[in-house]
Every structure is written in C-alpha cells, then in structure tokens.
Amino acid sequence: MKKNFLLTASLLAALSMAACNDNDKKAINFGSLPSAAQSFVKTHFGDKQISVVYHDSGIGDNEYEVLFADGAKVEFTAKGEWDEVADRDSDGVPTAIIPQAIASYVNSSHPNTYIVDINKERRTYEVELNNSIEIVFDKNGNFQRYDD
C-alpha cells in the first residue's frame, strides 16, 4: 500500500511538472523576437510564411522557436542567436549559415546531398543530411564522427 501511494505521488508530481513546462511555451508575435532573431529570419527565410512563433520561458530556458508553413523551423537563444535550423525542402538549410568547414566536408565527402538540420551545441555542431546521415563536427567545423 505504501509503495502504491509513493508510486502514485511520484507519477502525479511528474505529470504536474510536465504540464507546467508545456504552459511555459507561449505563442508570441514575430515583433516580440529579439532583434537578432528577427533579422536572421528576414535574411534567410524572408520568402517563407511564418505559421507561429513561440517563446519558451521554462525552468532554465528562455528560448524562441519560429515555425514556417512548409515545416521548416528555427530555434533561437534568449539573445536571438540561432541554435537549430531545420529545413527539409529541396534546398535544405540556407548555405549562408553553415560554417565553411562543415559545408566543404559535406560537399567533398557526401556529394549530391545537402544539410536539412543543423544544431549548434556548446562544443559541437550536429548536422543531418537529406539522406539521413548524421555527422558531428567540433566548434571549428572539423569532422568528429558519424552519429547513430
């Protein structure tokens, strides 16, 4: 009986925290994005229709996410710097934002492919190609490994 009570209490606490985290993500107007994020979207995605812009102010987070009508998305830090870009259309992620060393590696090692997702981590870049290959690079764009 005591175990059931503890299990139930733990489950309720987890569900409560999950519900709170969902409530921290709110739709906002494009003009509420940091100016660096607005400029990035206008420069690299000016031809795309924005579906919704979210602000996530959960515990330890203060991030923004822009979703486009065609399924592309960009995630930004609190300062408006991109940390993930996903665009699975026929051109992939805008080449202007891809570090040159990463673009060179992909072009030479995986011709006829393009990047559909790039994620900036603390010490690495993680990219996914249109053929589902995932590659990890260091902050300088040097190849590290293929990812599962």
Protein backbone atom coordinates (compact mmCIF):
# COMPACT_ATOMS: atom_id res chain seq x y z
CA MET A 1 0.00 0.00 0.00
CA LYS A 2 2.80 2.38 0.92
CA LYS A 3 4.62 1.59 -2.36
CA ASN A 4 1.45 2.28 -4.36
CA PHE A 5 1.00 5.61 -2.62
CA LEU A 6 4.62 6.64 -3.33
CA LEU A 7 4.36 5.49 -6.93
CA THR A 8 1.12 7.42 -7.43
CA ALA A 9 2.55 10.53 -5.77
CA SER A 10 5.67 10.36 -7.95
CA LEU A 11 3.59 9.92 -11.08
CA LEU A 12 1.37 12.88 -10.20
CA ALA A 13 4.42 15.05 -9.50
CA ALA A 14 5.96 14.14 -12.86
CA LEU A 15 2.72 14.86 -14.72
CA SER A 16 2.35 18.16 -12.90
CA MET A 17 5.86 19.23 -13.86
CA ALA A 18 5.27 18.25 -17.48
CA ALA A 19 2.05 20.26 -17.55
CA CYS A 20 3.85 23.28 -16.11
CA ASN A 21 6.58 23.02 -18.72
CA ASP A 22 4.02 22.97 -21.54
CA ASN A 23 2.41 26.09 -20.12
CA ASP A 24 5.74 27.92 -20.32
CA LYS A 25 5.68 27.76 -24.14
CA LYS A 26 3.52 30.58 -25.44
CA ALA A 27 2.74 31.87 -28.91
CA ILE A 28 4.00 35.42 -29.46
CA ASN A 29 4.11 37.96 -32.27
CA PHE A 30 7.10 38.00 -34.62
CA GLY A 31 7.93 41.51 -33.40
CA SER A 32 8.48 40.13 -29.89
CA LEU A 33 11.51 38.13 -31.01
CA PRO A 34 14.94 39.57 -30.17
CA SER A 35 16.09 41.84 -32.99
CA ALA A 36 18.91 39.46 -33.98
CA ALA A 37 16.36 36.66 -34.46
CA GLN A 38 14.06 38.90 -36.50
CA SER A 39 16.95 39.90 -38.73
CA PHE A 40 18.01 36.25 -39.19
CA VAL A 41 14.51 35.20 -40.24
CA LYS A 42 14.13 38.12 -42.64
CA THR A 43 17.55 37.48 -44.19
CA HIS A 44 17.46 33.70 -44.54
CA PHE A 45 13.75 32.86 -44.60
CA GLY A 46 12.20 36.02 -45.99
CA ASP A 47 10.38 34.07 -48.70
CA LYS A 48 8.70 31.68 -46.24
CA GLN A 49 5.38 32.15 -44.50
CA ILE A 50 5.58 32.05 -40.70
CA SER A 51 3.00 29.80 -39.06
CA VAL A 52 3.71 30.55 -35.41
CA VAL A 53 6.39 31.98 -33.12
CA TYR A 54 6.86 30.53 -29.65
CA HIS A 55 8.61 31.82 -26.56
CA ASP A 56 9.64 29.12 -24.09
CA SER A 57 10.41 30.51 -20.65
CA GLY A 58 10.56 27.21 -18.76
CA ILE A 59 12.97 26.40 -15.98
CA GLY A 60 16.46 27.26 -17.17
CA ASP A 61 15.13 28.08 -20.63
CA ASN A 62 14.43 31.33 -22.36
CA GLU A 63 14.26 30.33 -25.98
CA TYR A 64 12.32 31.14 -29.11
CA GLU A 65 11.07 28.95 -31.94
CA VAL A 66 9.81 30.04 -35.34
CA LEU A 67 7.76 27.52 -37.32
CA PHE A 68 7.08 28.03 -41.01
CA ALA A 69 4.12 26.88 -43.11
CA ASP A 70 6.30 24.46 -45.11
CA GLY A 71 7.56 22.69 -41.95
CA ALA A 72 10.89 24.48 -41.59
CA LYS A 73 11.84 25.73 -38.14
CA VAL A 74 14.46 27.85 -36.42
CA GLU A 75 15.22 27.84 -32.70
CA PHE A 76 16.91 30.81 -31.06
CA THR A 77 18.60 31.52 -27.73
CA ALA A 78 17.41 34.29 -25.44
CA LYS A 79 19.84 36.64 -27.22
CA GLY A 80 18.36 35.81 -30.63
CA GLU A 81 21.23 33.62 -31.86
CA TRP A 82 20.16 30.54 -33.82
CA ASP A 83 20.90 27.20 -32.21
CA GLU A 84 18.96 24.91 -34.54
CA VAL A 85 17.75 25.25 -38.10
CA ALA A 86 15.72 22.55 -39.84
CA ASP A 87 14.53 22.88 -43.41
CA ARG A 88 13.75 19.71 -45.32
CA ASP A 89 12.71 21.32 -48.60
CA SER A 90 14.69 20.77 -51.80
CA ASP A 91 17.39 23.29 -50.85
CA GLY A 92 17.80 22.37 -47.19
CA VAL A 93 19.29 24.70 -44.61
CA PRO A 94 20.41 28.05 -46.07
CA THR A 95 24.05 27.62 -47.06
CA ALA A 96 24.96 31.10 -45.81
CA ILE A 97 24.55 29.98 -42.18
CA ILE A 98 26.59 26.78 -42.47
CA PRO A 99 30.22 27.19 -41.33
CA GLN A 100 32.53 26.90 -44.35
CA ALA A 101 34.50 23.94 -42.98
CA ILE A 102 31.28 21.94 -42.50
CA ALA A 103 29.97 22.85 -45.95
CA SER A 104 33.30 21.84 -47.51
CA TYR A 105 33.33 18.49 -45.72
CA VAL A 106 29.76 17.69 -46.75
CA ASN A 107 30.38 18.74 -50.37
CA SER A 108 33.52 16.62 -50.70
CA SER A 109 32.53 13.58 -48.62
CA HIS A 110 28.84 13.43 -49.50
CA PRO A 111 28.34 14.88 -52.97
CA ASN A 112 24.76 15.30 -54.15
CA THR A 113 23.48 15.73 -50.59
CA TYR A 114 22.56 18.78 -48.55
CA ILE A 115 22.05 19.64 -44.89
CA VAL A 116 18.44 19.50 -43.68
CA ASP A 117 19.15 20.10 -39.98
CA ILE A 118 22.00 21.84 -38.15
CA ASN A 119 22.18 22.10 -34.40
CA LYS A 120 24.70 24.24 -32.53
CA GLU A 121 25.66 22.67 -29.22
CA ARG A 122 28.07 24.02 -26.65
CA ARG A 123 31.13 22.36 -28.19
CA THR A 124 29.82 20.83 -31.40
CA TYR A 125 27.67 21.16 -34.47
CA GLU A 126 25.37 18.27 -35.29
CA VAL A 127 24.10 18.05 -38.84
CA GLU A 128 21.69 15.77 -40.64
CA LEU A 129 21.86 15.29 -44.38
CA ASN A 130 18.90 14.70 -46.68
CA ASN A 131 19.89 11.01 -46.86
CA SER A 132 19.51 10.74 -43.04
CA ILE A 133 23.26 10.57 -42.33
CA GLU A 134 24.08 12.42 -39.11
CA ILE A 135 27.52 13.96 -38.62
CA VAL A 136 29.12 15.65 -35.62
CA PHE A 137 31.69 18.44 -36.03
CA ASP A 138 33.63 20.39 -33.42
CA LYS A 139 33.08 24.14 -32.96
CA ASN A 140 35.68 24.84 -35.65
CA GLY A 141 33.85 22.68 -38.18
CA ASN A 142 36.29 19.77 -38.01
CA PHE A 143 34.77 16.32 -38.59
CA GLN A 144 34.41 14.33 -35.36
CA ARG A 145 32.26 11.31 -36.12
CA TYR A 146 29.15 9.91 -37.70
CA ASP A 147 26.22 9.69 -35.29
CA ASP A 148 23.57 7.00 -34.97
